[in-house]
Amino acid sequence: MSTWTAVLVASALAFVLKLLGHLVPETWLDGDRTTRVTSALPIALLAALVGVQTLTTTSGSIVLDSRAAAVGAAIVALLLRAPFLVVVVLAAAVAAGLRLLGLP
């Protein structure tokens, strides 16, 4: 299967999924539990993405390097109620400093 075929198939599947989402009856989506779950899904997906990107290599093995330290520094800054821009700059500075010291 060529790359373009895979892209076209994935695009068609995404379109069909969106179309099926519009066909779901509203009564299925009205409950409090459904609202809580659907509002928490983006948070869970973003946390999973950060975890995978921080703790794995391209081969899939788990590694602790400067990225993990940068995320740790960002978490501490967030707990101290630092502004978002400060959190991002601090995390970047921690990662750059550790890489400058030779940590991968």
C-alpha atoms as a PDB file:
ATOM      1  CA  MET A   1       0.000   0.000   0.000  1.00  0.00           C
ATOM      2  CA  SER A   2       1.448   3.348  -1.001  1.00  0.00           C
ATOM      3  CA  THR A   3       1.576   6.342   1.284  1.00  0.00           C
ATOM      4  CA  TRP A   4      -1.090   8.175  -0.695  1.00  0.00           C
ATOM      5  CA  THR A   5      -3.432   5.203  -0.489  1.00  0.00           C
ATOM      6  CA  ALA A   6      -2.987   5.084   3.284  1.00  0.00           C
ATOM      7  CA  VAL A   7      -3.629   8.847   3.558  1.00  0.00           C
ATOM      8  CA  LEU A   8      -6.788   8.601   1.432  1.00  0.00           C
ATOM      9  CA  VAL A   9      -8.106   5.600   3.377  1.00  0.00           C
ATOM     10  CA  ALA A  10      -7.420   7.336   6.703  1.00  0.00           C
ATOM     11  CA  SER A  11      -9.149  10.490   5.454  1.00  0.00           C
ATOM     12  CA  ALA A  12     -12.204   8.509   4.338  1.00  0.00           C
ATOM     13  CA  LEU A  13     -12.366   6.725   7.695  1.00  0.00           C
ATOM     14  CA  ALA A  14     -12.118  10.040   9.558  1.00  0.00           C
ATOM     15  CA  PHE A  15     -14.959  11.456   7.446  1.00  0.00           C
ATOM     16  CA  VAL A  16     -17.162   8.414   8.071  1.00  0.00           C
ATOM     17  CA  LEU A  17     -16.453   8.613  11.808  1.00  0.00           C
ATOM     18  CA  LYS A  18     -17.452  12.284  11.883  1.00  0.00           C
ATOM     19  CA  LEU A  19     -20.598  11.513   9.899  1.00  0.00           C
ATOM     20  CA  LEU A  20     -21.546   8.720  12.293  1.00  0.00           C
ATOM     21  CA  GLY A  21     -21.046  11.134  15.183  1.00  0.00           C
ATOM     22  CA  HIS A  22     -23.707  13.420  13.742  1.00  0.00           C
ATOM     23  CA  LEU A  23     -26.126  10.519  13.366  1.00  0.00           C
ATOM     24  CA  VAL A  24     -26.019   9.548  17.063  1.00  0.00           C
ATOM     25  CA  PRO A  25     -29.321  10.435  18.783  1.00  0.00           C
ATOM     26  CA  GLU A  26     -29.049  13.401  21.166  1.00  0.00           C
ATOM     27  CA  THR A  27     -30.649  11.432  23.991  1.00  0.00           C
ATOM     28  CA  TRP A  28     -27.566   9.179  24.098  1.00  0.00           C
ATOM     29  CA  LEU A  29     -25.339  12.191  24.829  1.00  0.00           C
ATOM     30  CA  ASP A  30     -27.493  14.129  27.323  1.00  0.00           C
ATOM     31  CA  GLY A  31     -26.517  12.441  30.601  1.00  0.00           C
ATOM     32  CA  ASP A  32     -24.278  13.941  33.289  1.00  0.00           C
ATOM     33  CA  ARG A  33     -21.938  10.963  33.179  1.00  0.00           C
ATOM     34  CA  THR A  34     -21.469  11.262  29.415  1.00  0.00           C
ATOM     35  CA  THR A  35     -20.753  14.971  29.747  1.00  0.00           C
ATOM     36  CA  ARG A  36     -18.129  14.364  32.446  1.00  0.00           C
ATOM     37  CA  VAL A  37     -16.412  11.634  30.436  1.00  0.00           C
ATOM     38  CA  THR A  38     -16.352  13.557  27.165  1.00  0.00           C
ATOM     39  CA  SER A  39     -15.030  16.689  28.865  1.00  0.00           C
ATOM     40  CA  ALA A  40     -12.184  14.693  30.481  1.00  0.00           C
ATOM     41  CA  LEU A  41     -11.135  12.853  27.316  1.00  0.00           C
ATOM     42  CA  PRO A  42      -8.972  15.653  25.821  1.00  0.00           C
ATOM     43  CA  ILE A  43      -7.107  15.991  29.124  1.00  0.00           C
ATOM     44  CA  ALA A  44      -6.404  12.257  29.259  1.00  0.00           C
ATOM     45  CA  LEU A  45      -5.293  12.124  25.632  1.00  0.00           C
ATOM     46  CA  LEU A  46      -2.955  15.107  26.066  1.00  0.00           C
ATOM     47  CA  ALA A  47      -1.473  13.583  29.237  1.00  0.00           C
ATOM     48  CA  ALA A  48      -0.883  10.297  27.417  1.00  0.00           C
ATOM     49  CA  LEU A  49       0.781  12.105  24.526  1.00  0.00           C
ATOM     50  CA  VAL A  50       3.080  14.041  26.871  1.00  0.00           C
ATOM     51  CA  GLY A  51       3.968  10.840  28.710  1.00  0.00           C
ATOM     52  CA  VAL A  52       4.791   8.918  25.548  1.00  0.00           C
ATOM     53  CA  GLN A  53       6.786  11.764  23.997  1.00  0.00           C
ATOM     54  CA  THR A  54       8.692  12.381  27.235  1.00  0.00           C
ATOM     55  CA  LEU A  55       9.572   8.864  28.309  1.00  0.00           C
ATOM     56  CA  THR A  56      10.126   6.893  25.086  1.00  0.00           C
ATOM     57  CA  THR A  57      12.632   6.862  22.253  1.00  0.00           C
ATOM     58  CA  THR A  58      11.906   6.390  18.571  1.00  0.00           C
ATOM     59  CA  SER A  59      12.505   2.654  18.990  1.00  0.00           C
ATOM     60  CA  GLY A  60       9.888   2.487  21.763  1.00  0.00           C
ATOM     61  CA  SER A  61      12.166   1.868  24.728  1.00  0.00           C
ATOM     62  CA  ILE A  62      11.636   3.773  27.966  1.00  0.00           C
ATOM     63  CA  VAL A  63      14.310   6.334  28.823  1.00  0.00           C
ATOM     64  CA  LEU A  64      14.799   9.051  31.427  1.00  0.00           C
ATOM     65  CA  ASP A  65      16.642  12.014  29.936  1.00  0.00           C
ATOM     66  CA  SER A  66      16.488  15.795  29.837  1.00  0.00           C
ATOM     67  CA  ARG A  67      12.912  15.720  28.547  1.00  0.00           C
ATOM     68  CA  ALA A  68      11.710  14.049  31.746  1.00  0.00           C
ATOM     69  CA  ALA A  69      13.554  16.614  33.862  1.00  0.00           C
ATOM     70  CA  ALA A  70      12.000  19.432  31.805  1.00  0.00           C
ATOM     71  CA  VAL A  71       8.498  18.049  32.337  1.00  0.00           C
ATOM     72  CA  GLY A  72       9.261  17.693  36.052  1.00  0.00           C
ATOM     73  CA  ALA A  73      10.362  21.332  36.212  1.00  0.00           C
ATOM     74  CA  ALA A  74       7.201  22.358  34.367  1.00  0.00           C
ATOM     75  CA  ILE A  75       5.031  20.428  36.833  1.00  0.00           C
ATOM     76  CA  VAL A  76       6.744  22.127  39.778  1.00  0.00           C
ATOM     77  CA  ALA A  77       6.265  25.538  38.140  1.00  0.00           C
ATOM     78  CA  LEU A  78       2.595  24.792  37.522  1.00  0.00           C
ATOM     79  CA  LEU A  79       2.129  23.718  41.143  1.00  0.00           C
ATOM     80  CA  LEU A  80       3.653  27.043  42.185  1.00  0.00           C
ATOM     81  CA  ARG A  81       1.069  28.796  39.977  1.00  0.00           C
ATOM     82  CA  ALA A  82       3.607  30.246  37.536  1.00  0.00           C
ATOM     83  CA  PRO A  83       2.239  31.816  34.328  1.00  0.00           C
ATOM     84  CA  PHE A  84       2.151  29.500  31.330  1.00  0.00           C
ATOM     85  CA  LEU A  85       4.862  31.372  29.442  1.00  0.00           C
ATOM     86  CA  VAL A  86       7.180  31.061  32.449  1.00  0.00           C
ATOM     87  CA  VAL A  87       6.449  27.325  32.623  1.00  0.00           C
ATOM     88  CA  VAL A  88       7.346  26.820  28.955  1.00  0.00           C
ATOM     89  CA  VAL A  89      10.527  28.915  29.147  1.00  0.00           C
ATOM     90  CA  LEU A  90      11.617  27.194  32.373  1.00  0.00           C
ATOM     91  CA  ALA A  91      11.094  23.720  30.900  1.00  0.00           C
ATOM     92  CA  ALA A  92      13.014  24.668  27.759  1.00  0.00           C
ATOM     93  CA  ALA A  93      15.840  26.137  29.835  1.00  0.00           C
ATOM     94  CA  VAL A  94      16.085  23.012  31.999  1.00  0.00           C
ATOM     95  CA  ALA A  95      16.210  20.738  28.944  1.00  0.00           C
ATOM     96  CA  ALA A  96      18.758  22.962  27.199  1.00  0.00           C
ATOM     97  CA  GLY A  97      20.920  23.206  30.314  1.00  0.00           C
ATOM     98  CA  LEU A  98      20.967  19.460  30.856  1.00  0.00           C
ATOM     99  CA  ARG A  99      21.778  18.831  27.214  1.00  0.00           C
ATOM    100  CA  LEU A 100      24.549  21.399  27.434  1.00  0.00           C
ATOM    101  CA  LEU A 101      25.956  19.404  30.348  1.00  0.00           C
ATOM    102  CA  GLY A 102      25.957  16.262  28.192  1.00  0.00           C
ATOM    103  CA  LEU A 103      22.732  14.528  29.263  1.00  0.00           C
ATOM    104  CA  PRO A 104      20.837  13.267  26.218  1.00  0.00           C
END
